[in-house]
Amino acid sequence: MRNERRYDGSMTKKITVSLPDELVLEAQRAVEQGRADNVSAYVARAMSQQREDDTLTELVSQMRSSGGEPTPEDYAWASQVLGHPVTHPVTPAGEPLNAAS
């Protein structure tokens, strides 16, 4: 696969999991389309991405607890640096997320 760590069956443990049919079909399509070497590689990559997301979520939580919520200026800076709009998170009611706490 492109610039990704290749799945190596020799450094893994075989387990059994139950998945919804649509996820199994998506994994099989990825293999058929050459986006994954096999279903195990597809699942391993998805789990690795989830682990990275979880790590980032924890980091953001720690940053917020030590430095407070980002200000509108922080969001403006992030938008400029990233080159696309970064919006302030809101509650389902449309209120700024930190105002709801």
N, C-alpha and C. Protein backbone atom coordinates (compact mmCIF):
# COMPACT_ATOMS: atom_id res chain seq x y z
N MET A 1 0.85 -1.18 0.00
CA MET A 1 0.00 0.00 0.00
C MET A 1 0.89 1.24 0.00
N ARG A 2 0.33 2.36 -0.31
CA ARG A 2 1.08 3.60 -0.46
C ARG A 2 1.52 4.17 0.88
N ASN A 3 2.82 4.30 1.08
CA ASN A 3 3.41 4.97 2.25
C ASN A 3 2.76 4.60 3.58
N GLU A 4 2.23 3.42 3.69
CA GLU A 4 1.63 2.97 4.94
C GLU A 4 2.40 1.76 5.41
N ARG A 5 2.41 1.59 6.72
CA ARG A 5 3.02 0.37 7.24
C ARG A 5 2.24 -0.81 6.72
N ARG A 6 2.92 -1.74 6.17
CA ARG A 6 2.24 -2.91 5.61
C ARG A 6 1.82 -3.84 6.75
N TYR A 7 0.70 -4.45 6.54
CA TYR A 7 0.21 -5.45 7.47
C TYR A 7 1.11 -6.66 7.40
N ASP A 8 1.57 -7.12 8.52
CA ASP A 8 2.46 -8.27 8.57
C ASP A 8 1.83 -9.32 9.47
N GLY A 9 1.31 -10.37 8.88
CA GLY A 9 0.63 -11.41 9.63
C GLY A 9 1.49 -12.09 10.67
N SER A 10 2.82 -12.01 10.53
CA SER A 10 3.70 -12.67 11.49
C SER A 10 3.78 -11.93 12.82
N MET A 11 3.35 -10.66 12.84
CA MET A 11 3.46 -9.91 14.10
C MET A 11 2.08 -9.59 14.67
N THR A 12 1.15 -10.47 14.44
CA THR A 12 -0.21 -10.24 14.90
C THR A 12 -0.76 -11.45 15.63
N LYS A 13 -1.87 -11.20 16.31
CA LYS A 13 -2.59 -12.27 16.98
C LYS A 13 -3.93 -12.45 16.27
N LYS A 14 -4.30 -13.65 16.01
CA LYS A 14 -5.55 -13.93 15.34
C LYS A 14 -6.68 -13.92 16.36
N ILE A 15 -7.73 -13.15 16.06
CA ILE A 15 -8.91 -13.07 16.94
C ILE A 15 -10.16 -13.21 16.08
N THR A 16 -11.27 -13.38 16.74
CA THR A 16 -12.55 -13.44 16.04
C THR A 16 -13.38 -12.26 16.50
N VAL A 17 -13.96 -11.54 15.55
CA VAL A 17 -14.83 -10.42 15.87
C VAL A 17 -16.09 -10.52 15.04
N SER A 18 -17.15 -9.91 15.52
CA SER A 18 -18.40 -9.82 14.78
C SER A 18 -18.54 -8.40 14.27
N LEU A 19 -18.86 -8.27 12.99
CA LEU A 19 -19.01 -6.95 12.37
C LEU A 19 -20.32 -6.88 11.62
N PRO A 20 -20.90 -5.68 11.55
CA PRO A 20 -22.11 -5.51 10.74
C PRO A 20 -21.80 -5.86 9.27
N ASP A 21 -22.78 -6.42 8.59
CA ASP A 21 -22.60 -6.85 7.20
C ASP A 21 -22.04 -5.75 6.31
N GLU A 22 -22.54 -4.50 6.50
CA GLU A 22 -22.10 -3.42 5.61
C GLU A 22 -20.61 -3.10 5.79
N LEU A 23 -20.09 -3.28 7.00
CA LEU A 23 -18.66 -3.05 7.21
C LEU A 23 -17.82 -4.16 6.59
N VAL A 24 -18.30 -5.38 6.67
CA VAL A 24 -17.60 -6.49 6.03
C VAL A 24 -17.57 -6.29 4.52
N LEU A 25 -18.70 -5.88 3.96
CA LEU A 25 -18.76 -5.64 2.52
C LEU A 25 -17.81 -4.51 2.11
N GLU A 26 -17.73 -3.46 2.91
CA GLU A 26 -16.82 -2.36 2.61
C GLU A 26 -15.38 -2.83 2.65
N ALA A 27 -15.02 -3.64 3.63
CA ALA A 27 -13.66 -4.17 3.71
C ALA A 27 -13.35 -5.05 2.50
N GLN A 28 -14.30 -5.86 2.11
CA GLN A 28 -14.10 -6.73 0.94
C GLN A 28 -13.96 -5.90 -0.34
N ARG A 29 -14.76 -4.83 -0.45
CA ARG A 29 -14.64 -3.93 -1.62
C ARG A 29 -13.26 -3.28 -1.65
N ALA A 30 -12.77 -2.87 -0.48
CA ALA A 30 -11.44 -2.25 -0.42
C ALA A 30 -10.38 -3.21 -0.94
N VAL A 31 -10.50 -4.48 -0.61
CA VAL A 31 -9.55 -5.48 -1.09
C VAL A 31 -9.69 -5.63 -2.61
N GLU A 32 -10.93 -5.77 -3.08
CA GLU A 32 -11.17 -5.93 -4.52
C GLU A 32 -10.66 -4.74 -5.32
N GLN A 33 -10.75 -3.54 -4.75
CA GLN A 33 -10.33 -2.33 -5.45
C GLN A 33 -8.85 -2.01 -5.23
N GLY A 34 -8.15 -2.86 -4.49
CA GLY A 34 -6.73 -2.67 -4.27
C GLY A 34 -6.40 -1.63 -3.21
N ARG A 35 -7.39 -1.22 -2.41
CA ARG A 35 -7.14 -0.25 -1.34
C ARG A 35 -6.63 -0.91 -0.07
N ALA A 36 -6.66 -2.24 -0.03
CA ALA A 36 -6.14 -3.01 1.10
C ALA A 36 -5.66 -4.35 0.56
N ASP A 37 -4.64 -4.89 1.21
CA ASP A 37 -4.12 -6.19 0.78
C ASP A 37 -5.10 -7.32 1.10
N ASN A 38 -5.78 -7.20 2.22
CA ASN A 38 -6.76 -8.20 2.65
C ASN A 38 -7.64 -7.57 3.72
N VAL A 39 -8.68 -8.28 4.12
CA VAL A 39 -9.62 -7.74 5.10
C VAL A 39 -8.92 -7.47 6.43
N SER A 40 -8.03 -8.34 6.85
CA SER A 40 -7.32 -8.12 8.11
C SER A 40 -6.51 -6.83 8.06
N ALA A 41 -5.87 -6.56 6.94
CA ALA A 41 -5.09 -5.32 6.80
C ALA A 41 -6.00 -4.11 6.86
N TYR A 42 -7.17 -4.21 6.25
CA TYR A 42 -8.14 -3.11 6.27
C TYR A 42 -8.59 -2.82 7.71
N VAL A 43 -8.92 -3.86 8.45
CA VAL A 43 -9.37 -3.70 9.83
C VAL A 43 -8.23 -3.19 10.71
N ALA A 44 -7.03 -3.71 10.51
CA ALA A 44 -5.88 -3.25 11.30
C ALA A 44 -5.63 -1.77 11.06
N ARG A 45 -5.72 -1.31 9.81
CA ARG A 45 -5.52 0.11 9.52
C ARG A 45 -6.61 0.96 10.17
N ALA A 46 -7.85 0.50 10.12
CA ALA A 46 -8.95 1.24 10.75
C ALA A 46 -8.74 1.34 12.27
N MET A 47 -8.30 0.26 12.88
CA MET A 47 -8.06 0.28 14.32
C MET A 47 -6.89 1.18 14.67
N SER A 48 -5.88 1.19 13.84
CA SER A 48 -4.73 2.07 14.06
C SER A 48 -5.15 3.53 13.97
N GLN A 49 -6.00 3.85 12.99
CA GLN A 49 -6.49 5.22 12.86
C GLN A 49 -7.34 5.61 14.08
N GLN A 50 -8.15 4.68 14.58
CA GLN A 50 -8.95 4.96 15.78
C GLN A 50 -8.06 5.23 16.97
N ARG A 51 -6.98 4.46 17.10
CA ARG A 51 -6.04 4.67 18.20
C ARG A 51 -5.43 6.07 18.11
N GLU A 52 -5.07 6.51 16.90
CA GLU A 52 -4.52 7.86 16.72
C GLU A 52 -5.56 8.92 17.08
N ASP A 53 -6.82 8.71 16.66
CA ASP A 53 -7.89 9.64 17.01
C ASP A 53 -8.08 9.72 18.52
N ASP A 54 -8.06 8.57 19.18
CA ASP A 54 -8.22 8.55 20.64
C ASP A 54 -7.08 9.30 21.32
N THR A 55 -5.87 9.13 20.82
CA THR A 55 -4.71 9.82 21.39
C THR A 55 -4.85 11.32 21.21
N LEU A 56 -5.29 11.75 20.04
CA LEU A 56 -5.49 13.18 19.78
C LEU A 56 -6.59 13.75 20.66
N THR A 57 -7.67 12.99 20.83
CA THR A 57 -8.77 13.43 21.70
C THR A 57 -8.27 13.64 23.12
N GLU A 58 -7.46 12.72 23.61
CA GLU A 58 -6.91 12.83 24.96
C GLU A 58 -5.99 14.05 25.07
N LEU A 59 -5.18 14.28 24.05
CA LEU A 59 -4.28 15.43 24.05
C LEU A 59 -5.06 16.74 24.10
N VAL A 60 -6.10 16.85 23.29
CA VAL A 60 -6.92 18.06 23.29
C VAL A 60 -7.59 18.25 24.64
N SER A 61 -8.07 17.18 25.23
CA SER A 61 -8.69 17.26 26.55
C SER A 61 -7.69 17.77 27.59
N GLN A 62 -6.47 17.26 27.55
CA GLN A 62 -5.45 17.71 28.49
C GLN A 62 -5.10 19.18 28.26
N MET A 63 -5.02 19.58 26.99
CA MET A 63 -4.71 20.98 26.69
C MET A 63 -5.82 21.90 27.20
N ARG A 64 -7.07 21.49 27.03
CA ARG A 64 -8.18 22.31 27.49
C ARG A 64 -8.22 22.39 29.00
N SER A 65 -7.89 21.30 29.69
CA SER A 65 -7.93 21.34 31.15
C SER A 65 -6.80 22.20 31.72
N SER A 66 -5.68 22.28 31.02
CA SER A 66 -4.57 23.08 31.53
C SER A 66 -4.59 24.53 31.02
N GLY A 67 -5.13 24.74 29.81
CA GLY A 67 -5.07 26.08 29.23
C GLY A 67 -6.42 26.71 28.98
N GLY A 68 -7.49 26.01 29.28
CA GLY A 68 -8.82 26.54 29.04
C GLY A 68 -9.30 26.31 27.62
N GLU A 69 -10.52 26.72 27.37
CA GLU A 69 -11.13 26.57 26.06
C GLU A 69 -10.47 27.52 25.06
N PRO A 70 -10.39 27.12 23.80
CA PRO A 70 -9.85 28.03 22.79
C PRO A 70 -10.73 29.28 22.65
N THR A 71 -10.07 30.40 22.41
CA THR A 71 -10.78 31.67 22.22
C THR A 71 -11.13 31.84 20.74
N PRO A 72 -12.01 32.79 20.43
CA PRO A 72 -12.27 33.08 19.01
C PRO A 72 -10.98 33.41 18.25
N GLU A 73 -10.03 34.05 18.91
CA GLU A 73 -8.76 34.37 18.27
C GLU A 73 -7.98 33.09 17.96
N ASP A 74 -8.07 32.10 18.86
CA ASP A 74 -7.41 30.82 18.61
C ASP A 74 -7.98 30.16 17.35
N TYR A 75 -9.31 30.20 17.21
CA TYR A 75 -9.95 29.60 16.03
C TYR A 75 -9.56 30.35 14.77
N ALA A 76 -9.48 31.68 14.85
CA ALA A 76 -9.07 32.48 13.69
C ALA A 76 -7.64 32.12 13.28
N TRP A 77 -6.76 31.99 14.27
CA TRP A 77 -5.38 31.61 13.98
C TRP A 77 -5.33 30.23 13.31
N ALA A 78 -6.07 29.28 13.86
CA ALA A 78 -6.07 27.92 13.30
C ALA A 78 -6.60 27.94 11.87
N SER A 79 -7.63 28.73 11.61
CA SER A 79 -8.16 28.84 10.25
C SER A 79 -7.10 29.35 9.29
N GLN A 80 -6.35 30.35 9.72
CA GLN A 80 -5.32 30.94 8.87
C GLN A 80 -4.19 29.92 8.62
N VAL A 81 -3.74 29.26 9.67
CA VAL A 81 -2.64 28.32 9.54
C VAL A 81 -3.03 27.11 8.69
N LEU A 82 -4.25 26.61 8.89
CA LEU A 82 -4.69 25.41 8.17
C LEU A 82 -5.18 25.72 6.76
N GLY A 83 -5.51 26.98 6.51
CA GLY A 83 -5.96 27.36 5.17
C GLY A 83 -7.40 27.02 4.88
N HIS A 84 -8.17 26.75 5.91
CA HIS A 84 -9.62 26.54 5.74
C HIS A 84 -10.31 26.91 7.05
N PRO A 85 -11.59 27.20 6.97
CA PRO A 85 -12.30 27.64 8.19
C PRO A 85 -12.30 26.58 9.28
N VAL A 86 -12.03 27.02 10.48
CA VAL A 86 -12.13 26.17 11.67
C VAL A 86 -13.20 26.81 12.52
N THR A 87 -14.28 26.11 12.72
CA THR A 87 -15.39 26.68 13.47
C THR A 87 -15.35 26.27 14.92
N HIS A 88 -15.90 27.12 15.73
CA HIS A 88 -16.02 26.85 17.16
C HIS A 88 -17.08 25.78 17.34
N PRO A 89 -16.80 24.72 18.11
CA PRO A 89 -17.81 23.67 18.30
C PRO A 89 -19.04 24.22 19.02
N VAL A 90 -20.20 23.70 18.64
CA VAL A 90 -21.45 24.15 19.25
C VAL A 90 -22.22 22.95 19.76
N THR A 91 -23.14 23.24 20.68
CA THR A 91 -24.03 22.20 21.21
C THR A 91 -25.11 21.92 20.17
N PRO A 92 -25.90 20.85 20.35
CA PRO A 92 -27.02 20.61 19.43
C PRO A 92 -27.99 21.79 19.35
N ALA A 93 -28.04 22.60 20.40
CA ALA A 93 -28.91 23.78 20.39
C ALA A 93 -28.30 24.96 19.66
N GLY A 94 -27.04 24.79 19.20
CA GLY A 94 -26.39 25.86 18.46
C GLY A 94 -25.63 26.85 19.32
N GLU A 95 -25.50 26.55 20.60
CA GLU A 95 -24.76 27.44 21.50
C GLU A 95 -23.28 27.06 21.50
N PRO A 96 -22.37 28.02 21.73
CA PRO A 96 -20.95 27.65 21.83
C PRO A 96 -20.77 26.55 22.87
N LEU A 97 -19.96 25.57 22.55
CA LEU A 97 -19.78 24.40 23.43
C LEU A 97 -19.32 24.78 24.83
N ASN A 98 -18.37 25.71 24.96
CA ASN A 98 -17.88 26.04 26.30
C ASN A 98 -18.88 26.87 27.08
N ALA A 99 -19.90 27.45 26.42
CA ALA A 99 -20.92 28.22 27.14
C ALA A 99 -21.91 27.28 27.82
N ALA A 100 -21.99 26.04 27.34
CA ALA A 100 -22.95 25.09 27.90
C ALA A 100 -22.47 24.47 29.19
N SER A 101 -21.17 24.60 29.50
CA SER A 101 -20.66 23.95 30.72
C SER A 101 -20.88 24.77 31.94
